[in-house]
PDB file of all heavy atoms in Angstrom:
ATOM      1  N   ASP A   1    -197.179-278.928 104.200  1.00  0.00           N
ATOM      2  CA  ASP A   1    -197.646-280.292 104.119  1.00  0.00           C
ATOM      3  C   ASP A   1    -196.666-281.326 104.493  1.00  0.00           C
ATOM      4  O   ASP A   1    -196.909-282.570 104.330  1.00  0.00           O
ATOM      5  CB  ASP A   1    -198.154-280.554 102.734  1.00  0.00           C
ATOM      6  CG  ASP A   1    -199.395-279.754 102.332  1.00  0.00           C
ATOM      7  OD1 ASP A   1    -200.216-279.388 103.191  1.00  0.00           O
ATOM      8  OD2 ASP A   1    -199.474-279.275 101.095  1.00  0.00           O
ATOM      9  N   GLN A   2    -195.574-280.806 105.074  1.00  0.00           N
ATOM     10  CA  GLN A   2    -194.490-281.754 105.486  1.00  0.00           C
ATOM     11  C   GLN A   2    -194.679-282.260 106.954  1.00  0.00           C
ATOM     12  O   GLN A   2    -195.147-281.446 107.741  1.00  0.00           O
ATOM     13  CB  GLN A   2    -193.121-281.108 105.358  1.00  0.00           C
ATOM     14  CG  GLN A   2    -192.801-280.595 103.886  1.00  0.00           C
ATOM     15  CD  GLN A   2    -192.432-281.581 102.961  1.00  0.00           C
ATOM     16  OE1 GLN A   2    -192.122-282.781 103.338  1.00  0.00           O
ATOM     17  NE2 GLN A   2    -192.568-281.332 101.648  1.00  0.00           N
ATOM     18  N   SER A   3    -194.490-283.568 107.114  1.00  0.00           N
ATOM     19  CA  SER A   3    -194.432-284.021 108.513  1.00  0.00           C
ATOM     20  C   SER A   3    -193.213-283.615 109.229  1.00  0.00           C
ATOM     21  O   SER A   3    -192.208-283.094 108.749  1.00  0.00           O
ATOM     22  CB  SER A   3    -194.588-285.538 108.423  1.00  0.00           C
ATOM     23  OG  SER A   3    -193.432-286.112 107.830  1.00  0.00           O
ATOM     24  N   GLY A   4    -193.249-283.764 110.599  1.00  0.00           N
ATOM     25  CA  GLY A   4    -192.086-283.470 111.391  1.00  0.00           C
ATOM     26  C   GLY A   4    -192.026-282.019 111.954  1.00  0.00           C
ATOM     27  O   GLY A   4    -192.942-281.245 111.656  1.00  0.00           O
ATOM     28  N   GLU A   5    -190.916-281.730 112.553  1.00  0.00           N
ATOM     29  CA  GLU A   5    -190.819-280.408 113.146  1.00  0.00           C
ATOM     30  C   GLU A   5    -189.921-279.549 112.179  1.00  0.00           C
ATOM     31  O   GLU A   5    -188.843-279.967 111.768  1.00  0.00           O
ATOM     32  CB  GLU A   5    -190.096-280.504 114.426  1.00  0.00           C
ATOM     33  CG  GLU A   5    -190.912-281.295 115.548  1.00  0.00           C
ATOM     34  CD  GLU A   5    -190.297-281.233 116.970  1.00  0.00           C
ATOM     35  OE1 GLU A   5    -190.153-280.193 117.521  1.00  0.00           O
ATOM     36  OE2 GLU A   5    -189.780-282.294 117.389  1.00  0.00           O
ATOM     37  N   HIS A   6    -190.439-278.427 111.933  1.00  0.00           N
ATOM     38  CA  HIS A   6    -189.717-277.455 111.150  1.00  0.00           C
ATOM     39  C   HIS A   6    -189.614-276.087 111.779  1.00  0.00           C
ATOM     40  O   HIS A   6    -190.560-275.556 112.214  1.00  0.00           O
ATOM     41  CB  HIS A   6    -190.427-277.272 109.688  1.00  0.00           C
ATOM     42  CG  HIS A   6    -190.456-278.524 108.922  1.00  0.00           C
ATOM     43  ND1 HIS A   6    -189.647-278.761 107.871  1.00  0.00           N
ATOM     44  CD2 HIS A   6    -191.240-279.632 109.003  1.00  0.00           C
ATOM     45  CE1 HIS A   6    -189.826-279.962 107.367  1.00  0.00           C
ATOM     46  NE2 HIS A   6    -190.970-280.417 107.914  1.00  0.00           N
ATOM     47  N   LEU A   7    -188.357-275.516 111.664  1.00  0.00           N
ATOM     48  CA  LEU A   7    -188.181-274.175 112.206  1.00  0.00           C
ATOM     49  C   LEU A   7    -187.438-273.313 111.191  1.00  0.00           C
ATOM     50  O   LEU A   7    -186.699-273.795 110.301  1.00  0.00           O
ATOM     51  CB  LEU A   7    -187.298-274.179 113.523  1.00  0.00           C
ATOM     52  CG  LEU A   7    -187.858-274.927 114.619  1.00  0.00           C
ATOM     53  CD1 LEU A   7    -186.861-275.020 115.737  1.00  0.00           C
ATOM     54  CD2 LEU A   7    -189.059-274.116 115.155  1.00  0.00           C
ATOM     55  N   PHE A   8    -187.706-272.054 111.229  1.00  0.00           N
ATOM     56  CA  PHE A   8    -187.103-270.990 110.346  1.00  0.00           C
ATOM     57  C   PHE A   8    -186.276-270.038 111.123  1.00  0.00           C
ATOM     58  O   PHE A   8    -186.729-269.505 112.099  1.00  0.00           O
ATOM     59  CB  PHE A   8    -188.282-270.273 109.632  1.00  0.00           C
ATOM     60  CG  PHE A   8    -187.898-269.203 108.647  1.00  0.00           C
ATOM     61  CD1 PHE A   8    -187.573-269.505 107.316  1.00  0.00           C
ATOM     62  CD2 PHE A   8    -187.631-267.878 109.008  1.00  0.00           C
ATOM     63  CE1 PHE A   8    -187.184-268.569 106.456  1.00  0.00           C
ATOM     64  CE2 PHE A   8    -187.339-266.878 108.230  1.00  0.00           C
ATOM     65  CZ  PHE A   8    -186.983-267.196 106.805  1.00  0.00           C
ATOM     66  N   THR A   9    -185.122-269.873 110.669  1.00  0.00           N
ATOM     67  CA  THR A   9    -184.196-268.862 111.261  1.00  0.00           C
ATOM     68  C   THR A   9    -183.867-267.714 110.282  1.00  0.00           C
ATOM     69  O   THR A   9    -183.578-268.008 109.034  1.00  0.00           O
ATOM     70  CB  THR A   9    -182.931-269.483 111.760  1.00  0.00           C
ATOM     71  OG1 THR A   9    -182.250-270.084 110.751  1.00  0.00           O
ATOM     72  CG2 THR A   9    -183.156-270.439 112.837  1.00  0.00           C
ATOM     73  N   SER A  10    -184.018-266.479 110.626  1.00  0.00           N
ATOM     74  CA  SER A  10    -183.844-265.368 109.707  1.00  0.00           C
ATOM     75  C   SER A  10    -182.424-264.892 109.626  1.00  0.00           C
ATOM     76  O   SER A  10    -181.549-265.232 110.518  1.00  0.00           O
ATOM     77  CB  SER A  10    -184.839-264.211 110.070  1.00  0.00           C
ATOM     78  OG  SER A  10    -184.443-263.734 111.325  1.00  0.00           O
ATOM     79  N   ARG A  11    -182.173-264.046 108.619  1.00  0.00           N
ATOM     80  CA  ARG A  11    -180.784-263.480 108.555  1.00  0.00           C
ATOM     81  C   ARG A  11    -180.469-262.610 109.699  1.00  0.00           C
ATOM     82  O   ARG A  11    -179.308-262.410 110.092  1.00  0.00           O
ATOM     83  CB  ARG A  11    -180.631-262.703 107.181  1.00  0.00           C
ATOM     84  CG  ARG A  11    -180.820-263.707 105.954  1.00  0.00           C
ATOM     85  CD  ARG A  11    -180.718-262.842 104.648  1.00  0.00           C
ATOM     86  NE  ARG A  11    -180.765-263.692 103.536  1.00  0.00           N
ATOM     87  CZ  ARG A  11    -180.714-263.275 102.245  1.00  0.00           C
ATOM     88  NH1 ARG A  11    -180.595-261.995 101.984  1.00  0.00           N
ATOM     89  NH2 ARG A  11    -180.804-264.054 101.245  1.00  0.00           N
ATOM     90  N   SER A  12    -181.471-261.949 110.250  1.00  0.00           N
ATOM     91  CA  SER A  12    -181.311-260.994 111.328  1.00  0.00           C
ATOM     92  C   SER A  12    -180.714-261.750 112.592  1.00  0.00           C
ATOM     93  O   SER A  12    -180.130-261.257 113.444  1.00  0.00           O
ATOM     94  CB  SER A  12    -182.450-260.224 111.640  1.00  0.00           C
ATOM     95  OG  SER A  12    -183.524-261.065 112.082  1.00  0.00           O
ATOM     96  N   ASP A  13    -181.004-263.010 112.639  1.00  0.00           N
ATOM     97  CA  ASP A  13    -180.629-263.849 113.744  1.00  0.00           C
ATOM     98  C   ASP A  13    -179.423-264.593 113.543  1.00  0.00           C
ATOM     99  O   ASP A  13    -179.066-265.548 114.386  1.00  0.00           O
ATOM    100  CB  ASP A  13    -181.720-264.739 114.212  1.00  0.00           C
ATOM    101  CG  ASP A  13    -183.018-264.085 114.570  1.00  0.00           C
ATOM    102  OD1 ASP A  13    -182.884-263.047 115.116  1.00  0.00           O
ATOM    103  OD2 ASP A  13    -184.163-264.636 114.310  1.00  0.00           O
ATOM    104  N   ALA A  14    -178.766-264.351 112.376  1.00  0.00           N
ATOM    105  CA  ALA A  14    -177.559-265.262 111.961  1.00  0.00           C
ATOM    106  C   ALA A  14    -176.574-265.564 112.954  1.00  0.00           C
ATOM    107  O   ALA A  14    -176.219-266.710 113.141  1.00  0.00           O
ATOM    108  CB  ALA A  14    -177.015-264.684 110.673  1.00  0.00           C
ATOM    109  N   ARG A  15    -176.012-264.505 113.637  1.00  0.00           N
ATOM    110  CA  ARG A  15    -174.811-264.755 114.529  1.00  0.00           C
ATOM    111  C   ARG A  15    -175.304-265.572 115.743  1.00  0.00           C
ATOM    112  O   ARG A  15    -174.454-266.277 116.298  1.00  0.00           O
ATOM    113  CB  ARG A  15    -174.313-263.394 114.888  1.00  0.00           C
ATOM    114  CG  ARG A  15    -172.932-263.504 115.505  1.00  0.00           C
ATOM    115  CD  ARG A  15    -171.931-264.040 114.603  1.00  0.00           C
ATOM    116  NE  ARG A  15    -170.511-263.834 115.036  1.00  0.00           N
ATOM    117  CZ  ARG A  15    -169.424-264.338 114.321  1.00  0.00           C
ATOM    118  NH1 ARG A  15    -169.654-264.946 113.147  1.00  0.00           N
ATOM    119  NH2 ARG A  15    -168.275-264.267 114.833  1.00  0.00           N
ATOM    120  N   SER A  16    -176.514-265.444 116.217  1.00  0.00           N
ATOM    121  CA  SER A  16    -176.946-266.142 117.304  1.00  0.00           C
ATOM    122  C   SER A  16    -177.667-267.430 117.093  1.00  0.00           C
ATOM    123  O   SER A  16    -178.151-268.174 118.015  1.00  0.00           O
ATOM    124  CB  SER A  16    -177.853-265.276 118.177  1.00  0.00           C
ATOM    125  OG  SER A  16    -179.042-264.867 117.491  1.00  0.00           O
ATOM    126  N   SER A  17    -177.897-267.767 115.804  1.00  0.00           N
ATOM    127  CA  SER A  17    -178.716-268.950 115.453  1.00  0.00           C
ATOM    128  C   SER A  17    -178.016-270.289 115.805  1.00  0.00           C
ATOM    129  O   SER A  17    -176.745-270.245 115.882  1.00  0.00           O
ATOM    130  CB  SER A  17    -179.118-268.937 113.981  1.00  0.00           C
ATOM    131  OG  SER A  17    -177.988-269.308 113.196  1.00  0.00           O
ATOM    132  N   ILE A  18    -178.833-271.339 115.963  1.00  0.00           N
ATOM    133  CA  ILE A  18    -178.185-272.578 116.240  1.00  0.00           C
ATOM    134  C   ILE A  18    -177.088-273.053 115.107  1.00  0.00           C
ATOM    135  O   ILE A  18    -176.151-273.628 115.499  1.00  0.00           O
ATOM    136  CB  ILE A  18    -179.321-273.663 116.367  1.00  0.00           C
ATOM    137  CG1 ILE A  18    -178.706-274.986 116.919  1.00  0.00           C
ATOM    138  CG2 ILE A  18    -180.124-273.798 115.195  1.00  0.00           C
ATOM    139  CD1 ILE A  18    -178.107-274.967 118.262  1.00  0.00           C
ATOM    140  N   GLY A  19    -177.502-272.782 113.969  1.00  0.00           N
ATOM    141  CA  GLY A  19    -176.506-273.058 112.807  1.00  0.00           C
ATOM    142  C   GLY A  19    -175.180-272.453 112.950  1.00  0.00           C
ATOM    143  O   GLY A  19    -174.152-273.015 112.781  1.00  0.00           O
ATOM    144  N   GLU A  20    -175.298-271.207 113.277  1.00  0.00           N
ATOM    145  CA  GLU A  20    -174.047-270.406 113.477  1.00  0.00           C
ATOM    146  C   GLU A  20    -173.273-270.839 114.677  1.00  0.00           C
ATOM    147  O   GLU A  20    -172.052-270.994 114.748  1.00  0.00           O
ATOM    148  CB  GLU A  20    -174.285-268.846 113.545  1.00  0.00           C
ATOM    149  CG  GLU A  20    -173.110-268.056 113.641  1.00  0.00           C
ATOM    150  CD  GLU A  20    -172.455-267.898 112.148  1.00  0.00           C
ATOM    151  OE1 GLU A  20    -173.076-268.339 111.267  1.00  0.00           O
ATOM    152  OE2 GLU A  20    -171.346-267.360 112.127  1.00  0.00           O
ATOM    153  N   ARG A  21    -174.022-271.143 115.785  1.00  0.00           N
ATOM    154  CA  ARG A  21    -173.313-271.548 117.038  1.00  0.00           C
ATOM    155  C   ARG A  21    -172.687-272.890 116.890  1.00  0.00           C
ATOM    156  O   ARG A  21    -171.715-273.269 117.589  1.00  0.00           O
ATOM    157  CB  ARG A  21    -174.359-271.594 118.222  1.00  0.00           C
ATOM    158  CG  ARG A  21    -174.723-270.204 118.777  1.00  0.00           C
ATOM    159  CD  ARG A  21    -175.531-270.276 120.021  1.00  0.00           C
ATOM    160  NE  ARG A  21    -176.970-270.734 119.822  1.00  0.00           N
ATOM    161  CZ  ARG A  21    -177.431-271.780 120.312  1.00  0.00           C
ATOM    162  NH1 ARG A  21    -176.657-272.594 121.024  1.00  0.00           N
ATOM    163  NH2 ARG A  21    -178.677-272.119 120.126  1.00  0.00           N
ATOM    164  N   LEU A  22    -173.149-273.660 115.884  1.00  0.00           N
ATOM    165  CA  LEU A  22    -172.566-274.979 115.742  1.00  0.00           C
ATOM    166  C   LEU A  22    -171.615-274.936 114.549  1.00  0.00           C
ATOM    167  O   LEU A  22    -171.157-276.037 114.047  1.00  0.00           O
ATOM    168  CB  LEU A  22    -173.702-276.079 115.525  1.00  0.00           C
ATOM    169  CG  LEU A  22    -174.507-276.388 116.802  1.00  0.00           C
ATOM    170  CD1 LEU A  22    -175.655-277.404 116.349  1.00  0.00           C
ATOM    171  CD2 LEU A  22    -173.679-276.945 117.848  1.00  0.00           C
ATOM    172  N   ALA A  23    -171.385-273.826 113.940  1.00  0.00           N
ATOM    173  CA  ALA A  23    -170.483-273.664 112.847  1.00  0.00           C
ATOM    174  C   ALA A  23    -170.901-274.497 111.691  1.00  0.00           C
ATOM    175  O   ALA A  23    -170.000-275.113 111.012  1.00  0.00           O
ATOM    176  CB  ALA A  23    -169.027-274.049 113.371  1.00  0.00           C
ATOM    177  N   VAL A  24    -172.084-274.492 111.372  1.00  0.00           N
ATOM    178  CA  VAL A  24    -172.580-275.177 110.199  1.00  0.00           C
ATOM    179  C   VAL A  24    -172.305-274.322 109.049  1.00  0.00           C
ATOM    180  O   VAL A  24    -172.610-273.164 108.879  1.00  0.00           O
ATOM    181  CB  VAL A  24    -174.173-275.318 110.219  1.00  0.00           C
ATOM    182  CG1 VAL A  24    -174.650-275.870 108.921  1.00  0.00           C
ATOM    183  CG2 VAL A  24    -174.548-276.285 111.401  1.00  0.00           C
ATOM    184  N   SER A  25    -171.421-274.809 108.113  1.00  0.00           N
ATOM    185  CA  SER A  25    -170.922-274.127 106.928  1.00  0.00           C
ATOM    186  C   SER A  25    -171.372-274.559 105.599  1.00  0.00           C
ATOM    187  O   SER A  25    -171.030-274.028 104.654  1.00  0.00           O
ATOM    188  CB  SER A  25    -169.366-274.070 106.978  1.00  0.00           C
ATOM    189  OG  SER A  25    -168.873-275.439 106.950  1.00  0.00           O
ATOM    190  N   SER A  26    -172.051-275.657 105.530  1.00  0.00           N
ATOM    191  CA  SER A  26    -172.534-276.193 104.293  1.00  0.00           C
ATOM    192  C   SER A  26    -173.932-276.766 104.455  1.00  0.00           C
ATOM    193  O   SER A  26    -174.387-277.128 105.476  1.00  0.00           O
ATOM    194  CB  SER A  26    -171.624-277.233 103.683  1.00  0.00           C
ATOM    195  OG  SER A  26    -171.575-278.310 104.584  1.00  0.00           O
ATOM    196  N   TYR A  27    -174.670-276.825 103.265  1.00  0.00           N
ATOM    197  CA  TYR A  27    -176.108-277.244 103.348  1.00  0.00           C
ATOM    198  C   TYR A  27    -176.269-278.296 102.258  1.00  0.00           C
ATOM    199  O   TYR A  27    -175.649-278.116 101.216  1.00  0.00           O
ATOM    200  CB  TYR A  27    -177.005-276.076 103.125  1.00  0.00           C
ATOM    201  CG  TYR A  27    -177.019-275.098 104.298  1.00  0.00           C
ATOM    202  CD1 TYR A  27    -175.982-274.094 104.275  1.00  0.00           C
ATOM    203  CD2 TYR A  27    -177.912-275.181 105.235  1.00  0.00           C
ATOM    204  CE1 TYR A  27    -176.016-273.201 105.323  1.00  0.00           C
ATOM    205  CE2 TYR A  27    -177.996-274.148 106.291  1.00  0.00           C
ATOM    206  CZ  TYR A  27    -177.000-273.216 106.322  1.00  0.00           C
ATOM    207  OH  TYR A  27    -176.942-272.299 107.294  1.00  0.00           O
ATOM    208  N   PRO A  28    -177.018-279.471 102.493  1.00  0.00           N
ATOM    209  CA  PRO A  28    -177.592-279.805 103.834  1.00  0.00           C
ATOM    210  C   PRO A  28    -176.495-280.312 104.730  1.00  0.00           C
ATOM    211  O   PRO A  28    -175.401-280.808 104.281  1.00  0.00           O
ATOM    212  CB  PRO A  28    -178.645-280.909 103.417  1.00  0.00           C
ATOM    213  CG  PRO A  28    -177.989-281.506 102.145  1.00  0.00           C
ATOM    214  CD  PRO A  28    -177.317-280.310 101.419  1.00  0.00           C
ATOM    215  N   SER A  29    -176.727-280.189 106.019  1.00  0.00           N
ATOM    216  CA  SER A  29    -175.798-280.678 106.895  1.00  0.00           C
ATOM    217  C   SER A  29    -176.607-281.136 108.168  1.00  0.00           C
ATOM    218  O   SER A  29    -177.649-280.698 108.411  1.00  0.00           O
ATOM    219  CB  SER A  29    -174.877-279.450 107.424  1.00  0.00           C
ATOM    220  OG  SER A  29    -173.921-279.897 108.262  1.00  0.00           O
ATOM    221  N   TYR A  30    -175.969-282.110 108.885  1.00  0.00           N
ATOM    222  CA  TYR A  30    -176.654-282.707 110.028  1.00  0.00           C
ATOM    223  C   TYR A  30    -175.806-282.698 111.191  1.00  0.00           C
ATOM    224  O   TYR A  30    -174.605-283.141 111.205  1.00  0.00           O
ATOM    225  CB  TYR A  30    -177.081-284.169 109.663  1.00  0.00           C
ATOM    226  CG  TYR A  30    -177.730-284.258 108.284  1.00  0.00           C
ATOM    227  CD1 TYR A  30    -177.076-284.370 107.050  1.00  0.00           C
ATOM    228  CD2 TYR A  30    -179.175-284.204 108.161  1.00  0.00           C
ATOM    229  CE1 TYR A  30    -177.682-284.393 105.836  1.00  0.00           C
ATOM    230  CE2 TYR A  30    -179.853-284.184 106.974  1.00  0.00           C
ATOM    231  CZ  TYR A  30    -179.038-284.341 105.781  1.00  0.00           C
ATOM    232  OH  TYR A  30    -179.729-284.374 104.572  1.00  0.00           O
ATOM    233  N   VAL A  31    -176.385-282.548 112.354  1.00  0.00           N
ATOM    234  CA  VAL A  31    -175.690-282.676 113.651  1.00  0.00           C
ATOM    235  C   VAL A  31    -176.500-283.758 114.479  1.00  0.00           C
ATOM    236  O   VAL A  31    -177.725-283.559 114.790  1.00  0.00           O
ATOM    237  CB  VAL A  31    -175.708-281.415 114.387  1.00  0.00           C
ATOM    238  CG1 VAL A  31    -174.971-281.553 115.798  1.00  0.00           C
ATOM    239  CG2 VAL A  31    -174.864-280.385 113.639  1.00  0.00           C
TER     240      VAL A  31
END
């Protein structure tokens, strides 16, 4: 029921995910 764009990344994709590629190390975090 949330507005906006939402994406889900799984643990199996961890090393190649956008968060990993941008070295996101804490949550919440914003780029």
